[in-house]
Amino acid sequence: MTEGAVFSGDTLFRMNVGRWDLPTGNQEELERSLRERVYRLDPKLEVYPGHGAKTSVGYEMRYNLYVKAK
């Protein structure tokens, strides 16, 4: 994380999440990480994924169909 932004790598993408179907993947851990770590950050923070378009924490909390904020 840097001031005003977070780099999510392959964990969170715009309207998507990283793959959990690979040998070391785990859907429950991915969802928990997003809800307990990323979604607790300032909603205004920009998110820069490993590839693809940037997004924001707030946008993903509201619109990401894979892991919605509770």
PDB file of N, CA and C in Angstrom:
ATOM      1  N   MET A   1       0.850  -1.169   0.000  1.00  0.00           N
ATOM      2  CA  MET A   1       0.000   0.000   0.000  1.00  0.00           C
ATOM      3  C   MET A   1       0.895   1.231   0.000  1.00  0.00           C
ATOM      4  N   THR A   2       0.435   2.230  -0.672  1.00  0.00           N
ATOM      5  CA  THR A   2       1.100   3.516  -0.711  1.00  0.00           C
ATOM      6  C   THR A   2       0.029   4.578  -0.458  1.00  0.00           C
ATOM      7  N   GLU A   3       0.425   5.787  -0.256  1.00  0.00           N
ATOM      8  CA  GLU A   3      -0.554   6.831   0.058  1.00  0.00           C
ATOM      9  C   GLU A   3      -1.592   6.971  -1.054  1.00  0.00           C
ATOM     10  N   GLY A   4      -2.841   6.708  -0.723  1.00  0.00           N
ATOM     11  CA  GLY A   4      -3.927   6.860  -1.675  1.00  0.00           C
ATOM     12  C   GLY A   4      -4.178   5.678  -2.577  1.00  0.00           C
ATOM     13  N   ALA A   5      -3.376   4.607  -2.443  1.00  0.00           N
ATOM     14  CA  ALA A   5      -3.553   3.464  -3.341  1.00  0.00           C
ATOM     15  C   ALA A   5      -3.093   2.172  -2.674  1.00  0.00           C
ATOM     16  N   VAL A   6      -3.611   1.095  -3.180  1.00  0.00           N
ATOM     17  CA  VAL A   6      -3.192  -0.236  -2.746  1.00  0.00           C
ATOM     18  C   VAL A   6      -2.953  -1.070  -4.007  1.00  0.00           C
ATOM     19  N   PHE A   7      -1.933  -1.887  -3.980  1.00  0.00           N
ATOM     20  CA  PHE A   7      -1.604  -2.772  -5.093  1.00  0.00           C
ATOM     21  C   PHE A   7      -2.064  -4.178  -4.707  1.00  0.00           C
ATOM     22  N   SER A   8      -3.052  -4.689  -5.429  1.00  0.00           N
ATOM     23  CA  SER A   8      -3.686  -5.952  -5.035  1.00  0.00           C
ATOM     24  C   SER A   8      -3.099  -7.180  -5.709  1.00  0.00           C
ATOM     25  N   GLY A   9      -2.188  -6.995  -6.637  1.00  0.00           N
ATOM     26  CA  GLY A   9      -1.629  -8.158  -7.319  1.00  0.00           C
ATOM     27  C   GLY A   9      -2.723  -8.945  -8.011  1.00  0.00           C
ATOM     28  N   ASP A  10      -2.750 -10.254  -7.793  1.00  0.00           N
ATOM     29  CA  ASP A  10      -3.767 -11.105  -8.414  1.00  0.00           C
ATOM     30  C   ASP A  10      -4.860 -11.492  -7.425  1.00  0.00           C
ATOM     31  N   THR A  11      -5.054 -10.687  -6.376  1.00  0.00           N
ATOM     32  CA  THR A  11      -6.106 -10.963  -5.398  1.00  0.00           C
ATOM     33  C   THR A  11      -7.423 -10.331  -5.802  1.00  0.00           C
ATOM     34  N   LEU A  12      -7.380  -9.075  -6.185  1.00  0.00           N
ATOM     35  CA  LEU A  12      -8.597  -8.343  -6.518  1.00  0.00           C
ATOM     36  C   LEU A  12      -8.416  -7.621  -7.835  1.00  0.00           C
ATOM     37  N   PHE A  13      -9.395  -7.790  -8.705  1.00  0.00           N
ATOM     38  CA  PHE A  13      -9.432  -7.111  -9.992  1.00  0.00           C
ATOM     39  C   PHE A  13     -10.728  -6.310 -10.064  1.00  0.00           C
ATOM     40  N   ARG A  14     -10.838  -5.444 -11.047  1.00  0.00           N
ATOM     41  CA  ARG A  14     -12.095  -4.710 -11.235  1.00  0.00           C
ATOM     42  C   ARG A  14     -13.203  -5.716 -11.556  1.00  0.00           C
ATOM     43  N   MET A  15     -14.202  -5.787 -10.678  1.00  0.00           N
ATOM     44  CA  MET A  15     -15.362  -6.673 -10.825  1.00  0.00           C
ATOM     45  C   MET A  15     -14.992  -8.160 -10.874  1.00  0.00           C
ATOM     46  N   ASN A  16     -13.866  -8.520 -10.291  1.00  0.00           N
ATOM     47  CA  ASN A  16     -13.421  -9.907 -10.319  1.00  0.00           C
ATOM     48  C   ASN A  16     -12.458 -10.148  -9.169  1.00  0.00           C
ATOM     49  N   VAL A  17     -12.086 -11.389  -8.980  1.00  0.00           N
ATOM     50  CA  VAL A  17     -11.111 -11.761  -7.953  1.00  0.00           C
ATOM     51  C   VAL A  17     -10.117 -12.742  -8.558  1.00  0.00           C
ATOM     52  N   GLY A  18      -9.064 -13.012  -7.810  1.00  0.00           N
ATOM     53  CA  GLY A  18      -8.070 -13.972  -8.259  1.00  0.00           C
ATOM     54  C   GLY A  18      -8.628 -15.388  -8.303  1.00  0.00           C
ATOM     55  N   ARG A  19      -7.913 -16.261  -8.962  1.00  0.00           N
ATOM     56  CA  ARG A  19      -8.360 -17.645  -9.112  1.00  0.00           C
ATOM     57  C   ARG A  19      -8.077 -18.438  -7.848  1.00  0.00           C
ATOM     58  N   TRP A  20      -9.054 -19.198  -7.441  1.00  0.00           N
ATOM     59  CA  TRP A  20      -8.885 -20.076  -6.292  1.00  0.00           C
ATOM     60  C   TRP A  20      -8.880 -21.536  -6.704  1.00  0.00           C
ATOM     61  N   ASP A  21      -9.045 -21.807  -7.994  1.00  0.00           N
ATOM     62  CA  ASP A  21      -9.123 -23.183  -8.478  1.00  0.00           C
ATOM     63  C   ASP A  21      -7.753 -23.778  -8.810  1.00  0.00           C
ATOM     64  N   LEU A  22      -6.701 -23.031  -8.585  1.00  0.00           N
ATOM     65  CA  LEU A  22      -5.352 -23.531  -8.823  1.00  0.00           C
ATOM     66  C   LEU A  22      -4.889 -24.341  -7.606  1.00  0.00           C
ATOM     67  N   PRO A  23      -3.840 -25.138  -7.731  1.00  0.00           N
ATOM     68  CA  PRO A  23      -3.423 -26.022  -6.634  1.00  0.00           C
ATOM     69  C   PRO A  23      -3.217 -25.339  -5.277  1.00  0.00           C
ATOM     70  N   THR A  24      -2.725 -24.126  -5.250  1.00  0.00           N
ATOM     71  CA  THR A  24      -2.504 -23.463  -3.960  1.00  0.00           C
ATOM     72  C   THR A  24      -3.619 -22.480  -3.608  1.00  0.00           C
ATOM     73  N   GLY A  25      -4.679 -22.424  -4.413  1.00  0.00           N
ATOM     74  CA  GLY A  25      -5.771 -21.491  -4.179  1.00  0.00           C
ATOM     75  C   GLY A  25      -6.747 -21.993  -3.130  1.00  0.00           C
ATOM     76  N   ASN A  26      -7.461 -21.055  -2.505  1.00  0.00           N
ATOM     77  CA  ASN A  26      -8.451 -21.393  -1.489  1.00  0.00           C
ATOM     78  C   ASN A  26      -9.512 -20.287  -1.504  1.00  0.00           C
ATOM     79  N   GLN A  27     -10.712 -20.627  -1.929  1.00  0.00           N
ATOM     80  CA  GLN A  27     -11.777 -19.640  -2.064  1.00  0.00           C
ATOM     81  C   GLN A  27     -12.114 -18.979  -0.735  1.00  0.00           C
ATOM     82  N   GLU A  28     -12.211 -19.738   0.334  1.00  0.00           N
ATOM     83  CA  GLU A  28     -12.564 -19.177   1.636  1.00  0.00           C
ATOM     84  C   GLU A  28     -11.504 -18.202   2.135  1.00  0.00           C
ATOM     85  N   GLU A  29     -10.233 -18.533   1.952  1.00  0.00           N
ATOM     86  CA  GLU A  29      -9.156 -17.632   2.371  1.00  0.00           C
ATOM     87  C   GLU A  29      -9.156 -16.345   1.546  1.00  0.00           C
ATOM     88  N   LEU A  30      -9.423 -16.472   0.255  1.00  0.00           N
ATOM     89  CA  LEU A  30      -9.475 -15.291  -0.609  1.00  0.00           C
ATOM     90  C   LEU A  30     -10.603 -14.362  -0.171  1.00  0.00           C
ATOM     91  N   GLU A  31     -11.788 -14.921   0.046  1.00  0.00           N
ATOM     92  CA  GLU A  31     -12.926 -14.108   0.480  1.00  0.00           C
ATOM     93  C   GLU A  31     -12.656 -13.462   1.835  1.00  0.00           C
ATOM     94  N   ARG A  32     -12.095 -14.214   2.757  1.00  0.00           N
ATOM     95  CA  ARG A  32     -11.791 -13.678   4.087  1.00  0.00           C
ATOM     96  C   ARG A  32     -10.766 -12.542   3.990  1.00  0.00           C
ATOM     97  N   SER A  33      -9.761 -12.727   3.178  1.00  0.00           N
ATOM     98  CA  SER A  33      -8.740 -11.692   3.005  1.00  0.00           C
ATOM     99  C   SER A  33      -9.347 -10.403   2.456  1.00  0.00           C
ATOM    100  N   LEU A  34     -10.222 -10.525   1.476  1.00  0.00           N
ATOM    101  CA  LEU A  34     -10.852  -9.336   0.905  1.00  0.00           C
ATOM    102  C   LEU A  34     -11.740  -8.644   1.926  1.00  0.00           C
ATOM    103  N   ARG A  35     -12.566  -9.404   2.613  1.00  0.00           N
ATOM    104  CA  ARG A  35     -13.497  -8.793   3.573  1.00  0.00           C
ATOM    105  C   ARG A  35     -12.787  -8.231   4.803  1.00  0.00           C
ATOM    106  N   GLU A  36     -11.798  -8.954   5.317  1.00  0.00           N
ATOM    107  CA  GLU A  36     -11.161  -8.553   6.577  1.00  0.00           C
ATOM    108  C   GLU A  36      -9.976  -7.611   6.394  1.00  0.00           C
ATOM    109  N   ARG A  37      -9.434  -7.542   5.210  1.00  0.00           N
ATOM    110  CA  ARG A  37      -8.281  -6.669   4.975  1.00  0.00           C
ATOM    111  C   ARG A  37      -8.601  -5.546   3.995  1.00  0.00           C
ATOM    112  N   VAL A  38      -8.911  -5.910   2.778  1.00  0.00           N
ATOM    113  CA  VAL A  38      -9.099  -4.896   1.737  1.00  0.00           C
ATOM    114  C   VAL A  38     -10.341  -4.056   1.998  1.00  0.00           C
ATOM    115  N   TYR A  39     -11.469  -4.688   2.304  1.00  0.00           N
ATOM    116  CA  TYR A  39     -12.718  -3.952   2.462  1.00  0.00           C
ATOM    117  C   TYR A  39     -12.773  -3.138   3.747  1.00  0.00           C
ATOM    118  N   ARG A  40     -11.790  -3.245   4.587  1.00  0.00           N
ATOM    119  CA  ARG A  40     -11.701  -2.393   5.783  1.00  0.00           C
ATOM    120  C   ARG A  40     -10.884  -1.132   5.515  1.00  0.00           C
ATOM    121  N   LEU A  41     -10.305  -1.055   4.345  1.00  0.00           N
ATOM    122  CA  LEU A  41      -9.528   0.122   3.969  1.00  0.00           C
ATOM    123  C   LEU A  41     -10.467   1.248   3.557  1.00  0.00           C
ATOM    124  N   ASP A  42      -9.930   2.434   3.433  1.00  0.00           N
ATOM    125  CA  ASP A  42     -10.694   3.598   2.995  1.00  0.00           C
ATOM    126  C   ASP A  42     -11.322   3.302   1.633  1.00  0.00           C
ATOM    127  N   PRO A  43     -12.644   3.431   1.511  1.00  0.00           N
ATOM    128  CA  PRO A  43     -13.305   3.159   0.232  1.00  0.00           C
ATOM    129  C   PRO A  43     -12.789   4.011  -0.928  1.00  0.00           C
ATOM    130  N   LYS A  44     -12.184   5.141  -0.628  1.00  0.00           N
ATOM    131  CA  LYS A  44     -11.675   6.012  -1.682  1.00  0.00           C
ATOM    132  C   LYS A  44     -10.329   5.556  -2.240  1.00  0.00           C
ATOM    133  N   LEU A  45      -9.680   4.614  -1.563  1.00  0.00           N
ATOM    134  CA  LEU A  45      -8.374   4.146  -2.030  1.00  0.00           C
ATOM    135  C   LEU A  45      -8.488   3.539  -3.424  1.00  0.00           C
ATOM    136  N   GLU A  46      -7.576   3.922  -4.282  1.00  0.00           N
ATOM    137  CA  GLU A  46      -7.502   3.301  -5.599  1.00  0.00           C
ATOM    138  C   GLU A  46      -6.849   1.929  -5.453  1.00  0.00           C
ATOM    139  N   VAL A  47      -7.313   0.981  -6.253  1.00  0.00           N
ATOM    140  CA  VAL A  47      -6.760  -0.370  -6.263  1.00  0.00           C
ATOM    141  C   VAL A  47      -6.135  -0.610  -7.627  1.00  0.00           C
ATOM    142  N   TYR A  48      -4.861  -0.982  -7.611  1.00  0.00           N
ATOM    143  CA  TYR A  48      -4.147  -1.311  -8.839  1.00  0.00           C
ATOM    144  C   TYR A  48      -3.881  -2.810  -8.841  1.00  0.00           C
ATOM    145  N   PRO A  49      -4.621  -3.568  -9.654  1.00  0.00           N
ATOM    146  CA  PRO A  49      -4.418  -5.010  -9.710  1.00  0.00           C
ATOM    147  C   PRO A  49      -3.158  -5.368 -10.497  1.00  0.00           C
ATOM    148  N   GLY A  50      -2.808  -6.628 -10.456  1.00  0.00           N
ATOM    149  CA  GLY A  50      -1.632  -7.113 -11.182  1.00  0.00           C
ATOM    150  C   GLY A  50      -1.738  -6.870 -12.675  1.00  0.00           C
ATOM    151  N   HIS A  51      -2.948  -6.841 -13.199  1.00  0.00           N
ATOM    152  CA  HIS A  51      -3.199  -6.492 -14.595  1.00  0.00           C
ATOM    153  C   HIS A  51      -4.649  -6.063 -14.726  1.00  0.00           C
ATOM    154  N   GLY A  52      -4.948  -5.329 -15.770  1.00  0.00           N
ATOM    155  CA  GLY A  52      -6.304  -4.834 -15.968  1.00  0.00           C
ATOM    156  C   GLY A  52      -6.482  -3.425 -15.430  1.00  0.00           C
ATOM    157  N   ALA A  53      -7.721  -2.953 -15.499  1.00  0.00           N
ATOM    158  CA  ALA A  53      -8.056  -1.584 -15.123  1.00  0.00           C
ATOM    159  C   ALA A  53      -7.999  -1.364 -13.617  1.00  0.00           C
ATOM    160  N   LYS A  54      -7.667  -0.144 -13.225  1.00  0.00           N
ATOM    161  CA  LYS A  54      -7.684   0.188 -11.801  1.00  0.00           C
ATOM    162  C   LYS A  54      -9.132   0.305 -11.346  1.00  0.00           C
ATOM    163  N   THR A  55      -9.333   0.266 -10.042  1.00  0.00           N
ATOM    164  CA  THR A  55     -10.653   0.371  -9.448  1.00  0.00           C
ATOM    165  C   THR A  55     -10.500   1.079  -8.107  1.00  0.00           C
ATOM    166  N   SER A  56     -11.466   0.974  -7.242  1.00  0.00           N
ATOM    167  CA  SER A  56     -11.346   1.523  -5.896  1.00  0.00           C
ATOM    168  C   SER A  56     -11.916   0.524  -4.906  1.00  0.00           C
ATOM    169  N   VAL A  57     -11.522   0.641  -3.668  1.00  0.00           N
ATOM    170  CA  VAL A  57     -12.025  -0.248  -2.627  1.00  0.00           C
ATOM    171  C   VAL A  57     -13.546  -0.130  -2.544  1.00  0.00           C
ATOM    172  N   GLY A  58     -14.060   1.086  -2.526  1.00  0.00           N
ATOM    173  CA  GLY A  58     -15.492   1.304  -2.418  1.00  0.00           C
ATOM    174  C   GLY A  58     -16.275   0.718  -3.580  1.00  0.00           C
ATOM    175  N   TYR A  59     -15.749   0.867  -4.783  1.00  0.00           N
ATOM    176  CA  TYR A  59     -16.422   0.317  -5.961  1.00  0.00           C
ATOM    177  C   TYR A  59     -16.538  -1.196  -5.845  1.00  0.00           C
ATOM    178  N   GLU A  60     -15.460  -1.849  -5.454  1.00  0.00           N
ATOM    179  CA  GLU A  60     -15.477  -3.312  -5.348  1.00  0.00           C
ATOM    180  C   GLU A  60     -16.372  -3.783  -4.207  1.00  0.00           C
ATOM    181  N   MET A  61     -16.379  -3.046  -3.107  1.00  0.00           N
ATOM    182  CA  MET A  61     -17.254  -3.405  -1.991  1.00  0.00           C
ATOM    183  C   MET A  61     -18.712  -3.402  -2.444  1.00  0.00           C
ATOM    184  N   ARG A  62     -19.025  -2.494  -3.319  1.00  0.00           N
ATOM    185  CA  ARG A  62     -20.414  -2.319  -3.751  1.00  0.00           C
ATOM    186  C   ARG A  62     -20.799  -3.207  -4.932  1.00  0.00           C
ATOM    187  N   TYR A  63     -19.894  -3.379  -5.888  1.00  0.00           N
ATOM    188  CA  TYR A  63     -20.269  -4.002  -7.150  1.00  0.00           C
ATOM    189  C   TYR A  63     -19.613  -5.335  -7.476  1.00  0.00           C
ATOM    190  N   ASN A  64     -18.588  -5.738  -6.760  1.00  0.00           N
ATOM    191  CA  ASN A  64     -17.914  -6.987  -7.094  1.00  0.00           C
ATOM    192  C   ASN A  64     -18.832  -8.163  -6.775  1.00  0.00           C
ATOM    193  N   LEU A  65     -19.261  -8.874  -7.787  1.00  0.00           N
ATOM    194  CA  LEU A  65     -20.216  -9.973  -7.612  1.00  0.00           C
ATOM    195  C   LEU A  65     -19.594 -11.210  -6.967  1.00  0.00           C
ATOM    196  N   TYR A  66     -18.289 -11.322  -7.006  1.00  0.00           N
ATOM    197  CA  TYR A  66     -17.625 -12.494  -6.459  1.00  0.00           C
ATOM    198  C   TYR A  66     -17.495 -12.422  -4.946  1.00  0.00           C
ATOM    199  N   VAL A  67     -17.165 -11.243  -4.437  1.00  0.00           N
ATOM    200  CA  VAL A  67     -17.040 -11.060  -2.984  1.00  0.00           C
ATOM    201  C   VAL A  67     -17.644  -9.707  -2.631  1.00  0.00           C
ATOM    202  N   LYS A  68     -18.845  -9.736  -2.135  1.00  0.00           N
ATOM    203  CA  LYS A  68     -19.505  -8.493  -1.694  1.00  0.00           C
ATOM    204  C   LYS A  68     -19.176  -8.226  -0.244  1.00  0.00           C
ATOM    205  N   ALA A  69     -19.083  -6.963   0.107  1.00  0.00           N
ATOM    206  CA  ALA A  69     -18.896  -6.590   1.497  1.00  0.00           C
ATOM    207  C   ALA A  69     -20.194  -6.907   2.236  1.00  0.00           C
ATOM    208  N   LYS A  70     -20.068  -7.390   3.450  1.00  0.00           N
ATOM    209  CA  LYS A  70     -21.264  -7.715   4.246  1.00  0.00           C
ATOM    210  C   LYS A  70     -21.600  -6.589   5.186  1.00  0.00           C
TER     211      LYS A  70
END
